[in-house]
Amino acid sequence: MLGLDSESTEQAGRCAGQLLEYFERRLAYGAPTVELSPRKPDGASSGTNEVSEPSPGVT
């Protein structure tokens, strides 16, 4: 059994809640969740890669 006191469990819950809020906010604003790599300067006006690189199976 892990010896977690109520305070550390509370902190973990708060941290998880903040993470959830962060991702929910990003989704609400329509921001792509995978935006870690710098955007390619290929003149794509939209922020997504779907225009230049369609996923296989989509015609």
N, C-alpha and C. Protein backbone atom coordinates (compact mmCIF):
# COMPACT_ATOMS: atom_id res chain seq x y z
N MET A 1 0.86 -1.20 0.00
CA MET A 1 0.00 0.00 0.00
C MET A 1 0.89 1.24 0.00
N LEU A 2 0.53 2.22 -0.79
CA LEU A 2 1.30 3.46 -0.82
C LEU A 2 0.90 4.33 0.37
N GLY A 3 1.89 4.89 1.01
CA GLY A 3 1.59 5.72 2.17
C GLY A 3 1.28 7.15 1.77
N LEU A 4 0.18 7.35 1.08
CA LEU A 4 -0.19 8.69 0.65
C LEU A 4 -1.10 9.33 1.68
N ASP A 5 -0.70 10.48 2.18
CA ASP A 5 -1.60 11.19 3.08
C ASP A 5 -2.60 11.99 2.24
N SER A 6 -3.61 12.49 2.89
CA SER A 6 -4.69 13.15 2.16
C SER A 6 -4.19 14.40 1.43
N GLU A 7 -3.12 15.03 1.97
CA GLU A 7 -2.65 16.27 1.35
C GLU A 7 -2.02 15.99 -0.01
N SER A 8 -1.19 14.97 -0.10
CA SER A 8 -0.55 14.68 -1.39
C SER A 8 -1.57 14.16 -2.40
N THR A 9 -2.55 13.43 -1.93
CA THR A 9 -3.60 12.98 -2.85
C THR A 9 -4.37 14.18 -3.38
N GLU A 10 -4.61 15.15 -2.51
CA GLU A 10 -5.32 16.36 -2.92
C GLU A 10 -4.50 17.11 -3.97
N GLN A 11 -3.19 17.22 -3.72
CA GLN A 11 -2.32 17.92 -4.67
C GLN A 11 -2.34 17.23 -6.02
N ALA A 12 -2.27 15.91 -6.02
CA ALA A 12 -2.29 15.17 -7.29
C ALA A 12 -3.60 15.40 -8.02
N GLY A 13 -4.69 15.41 -7.27
CA GLY A 13 -5.99 15.65 -7.88
C GLY A 13 -6.08 17.04 -8.47
N ARG A 14 -5.53 18.01 -7.77
CA ARG A 14 -5.55 19.39 -8.27
C ARG A 14 -4.74 19.48 -9.55
N CYS A 15 -3.57 18.85 -9.55
CA CYS A 15 -2.69 18.90 -10.72
C CYS A 15 -3.39 18.28 -11.92
N ALA A 16 -4.02 17.12 -11.71
CA ALA A 16 -4.72 16.45 -12.80
C ALA A 16 -5.87 17.33 -13.29
N GLY A 17 -6.55 17.98 -12.36
CA GLY A 17 -7.65 18.85 -12.74
C GLY A 17 -7.18 20.01 -13.60
N GLN A 18 -6.01 20.57 -13.25
CA GLN A 18 -5.47 21.68 -14.03
C GLN A 18 -5.08 21.22 -15.43
N LEU A 19 -4.50 20.02 -15.51
CA LEU A 19 -4.14 19.48 -16.82
C LEU A 19 -5.39 19.31 -17.68
N LEU A 20 -6.44 18.74 -17.07
CA LEU A 20 -7.69 18.54 -17.81
C LEU A 20 -8.24 19.87 -18.30
N GLU A 21 -8.24 20.87 -17.41
CA GLU A 21 -8.75 22.18 -17.79
C GLU A 21 -7.96 22.74 -18.96
N TYR A 22 -6.63 22.57 -18.90
CA TYR A 22 -5.76 23.10 -19.95
C TYR A 22 -6.12 22.50 -21.30
N PHE A 23 -6.27 21.17 -21.35
CA PHE A 23 -6.57 20.51 -22.61
C PHE A 23 -7.98 20.84 -23.07
N GLU A 24 -8.91 20.94 -22.13
CA GLU A 24 -10.28 21.30 -22.50
C GLU A 24 -10.32 22.68 -23.11
N ARG A 25 -9.54 23.60 -22.53
CA ARG A 25 -9.52 24.96 -23.04
C ARG A 25 -8.95 24.97 -24.46
N ARG A 26 -7.86 24.21 -24.67
CA ARG A 26 -7.25 24.16 -26.00
C ARG A 26 -8.23 23.58 -27.02
N LEU A 27 -8.97 22.55 -26.60
CA LEU A 27 -9.95 21.95 -27.51
C LEU A 27 -11.08 22.94 -27.79
N ALA A 28 -11.48 23.69 -26.77
CA ALA A 28 -12.58 24.64 -26.95
C ALA A 28 -12.20 25.72 -27.95
N TYR A 29 -10.93 26.11 -27.96
CA TYR A 29 -10.50 27.15 -28.89
C TYR A 29 -10.09 26.57 -30.24
N GLY A 30 -10.21 25.25 -30.39
CA GLY A 30 -9.91 24.64 -31.67
C GLY A 30 -8.42 24.54 -31.96
N ALA A 31 -7.61 24.68 -30.94
CA ALA A 31 -6.17 24.57 -31.16
C ALA A 31 -5.80 23.10 -31.34
N PRO A 32 -4.94 22.80 -32.29
CA PRO A 32 -4.52 21.40 -32.47
C PRO A 32 -3.77 20.92 -31.24
N THR A 33 -4.08 19.73 -30.79
CA THR A 33 -3.44 19.23 -29.58
C THR A 33 -1.99 18.87 -29.82
N VAL A 34 -1.64 18.52 -31.06
CA VAL A 34 -0.25 18.19 -31.35
C VAL A 34 0.36 19.37 -32.10
N GLU A 35 0.92 20.31 -31.35
CA GLU A 35 1.52 21.48 -31.96
C GLU A 35 2.91 21.67 -31.37
N LEU A 36 3.64 20.57 -31.24
CA LEU A 36 4.96 20.64 -30.63
C LEU A 36 6.02 20.97 -31.66
N SER A 37 5.87 20.46 -32.87
CA SER A 37 6.86 20.74 -33.91
C SER A 37 6.57 22.10 -34.53
N PRO A 38 7.62 22.83 -34.88
CA PRO A 38 7.41 24.15 -35.50
C PRO A 38 6.69 24.03 -36.82
N ARG A 39 5.88 25.01 -37.12
CA ARG A 39 5.09 24.99 -38.34
C ARG A 39 6.00 25.11 -39.57
N LYS A 40 5.68 24.36 -40.59
CA LYS A 40 6.50 24.40 -41.81
C LYS A 40 6.17 25.68 -42.60
N PRO A 41 7.19 26.41 -43.00
CA PRO A 41 6.94 27.64 -43.78
C PRO A 41 6.68 27.32 -45.25
N ASP A 42 5.67 26.50 -45.53
CA ASP A 42 5.38 26.14 -46.91
C ASP A 42 4.18 26.92 -47.44
N GLY A 43 3.82 27.98 -46.74
CA GLY A 43 2.74 28.83 -47.23
C GLY A 43 1.36 28.30 -46.94
N ALA A 44 1.25 27.32 -46.06
CA ALA A 44 -0.07 26.80 -45.71
C ALA A 44 -0.75 27.80 -44.78
N SER A 45 -1.90 28.32 -45.20
CA SER A 45 -2.56 29.34 -44.40
C SER A 45 -3.19 28.74 -43.15
N SER A 46 -3.68 27.49 -43.26
CA SER A 46 -4.29 26.87 -42.09
C SER A 46 -3.21 26.25 -41.22
N GLY A 47 -3.46 26.18 -39.93
CA GLY A 47 -2.46 25.67 -39.00
C GLY A 47 -2.33 24.16 -39.01
N THR A 48 -3.25 23.47 -39.65
CA THR A 48 -3.20 22.01 -39.62
C THR A 48 -2.42 21.47 -40.81
N ASN A 49 -1.93 20.25 -40.68
CA ASN A 49 -1.18 19.63 -41.76
C ASN A 49 -2.09 18.85 -42.70
N GLU A 50 -3.39 18.85 -42.44
CA GLU A 50 -4.31 18.03 -43.21
C GLU A 50 -4.36 18.44 -44.67
N VAL A 51 -4.12 19.73 -44.94
CA VAL A 51 -4.22 20.20 -46.31
C VAL A 51 -3.05 19.68 -47.14
N SER A 52 -1.83 19.81 -46.59
CA SER A 52 -0.66 19.42 -47.37
C SER A 52 -0.42 17.92 -47.33
N GLU A 53 -0.77 17.27 -46.22
CA GLU A 53 -0.53 15.84 -46.07
C GLU A 53 -1.82 15.12 -45.66
N PRO A 54 -2.66 14.75 -46.62
CA PRO A 54 -3.89 14.04 -46.26
C PRO A 54 -3.57 12.66 -45.70
N SER A 55 -4.32 12.24 -44.71
CA SER A 55 -4.08 10.94 -44.12
C SER A 55 -4.47 9.85 -45.11
N PRO A 56 -3.79 8.70 -45.06
CA PRO A 56 -4.10 7.62 -46.00
C PRO A 56 -5.54 7.15 -45.85
N GLY A 57 -6.18 6.88 -46.97
CA GLY A 57 -7.56 6.42 -46.95
C GLY A 57 -8.54 7.54 -47.22
N VAL A 58 -8.09 8.79 -47.09
CA VAL A 58 -8.97 9.93 -47.35
C VAL A 58 -8.71 10.42 -48.76
N THR A 59 -9.74 10.42 -49.59
CA THR A 59 -9.55 10.85 -50.98
C THR A 59 -10.38 12.08 -51.26
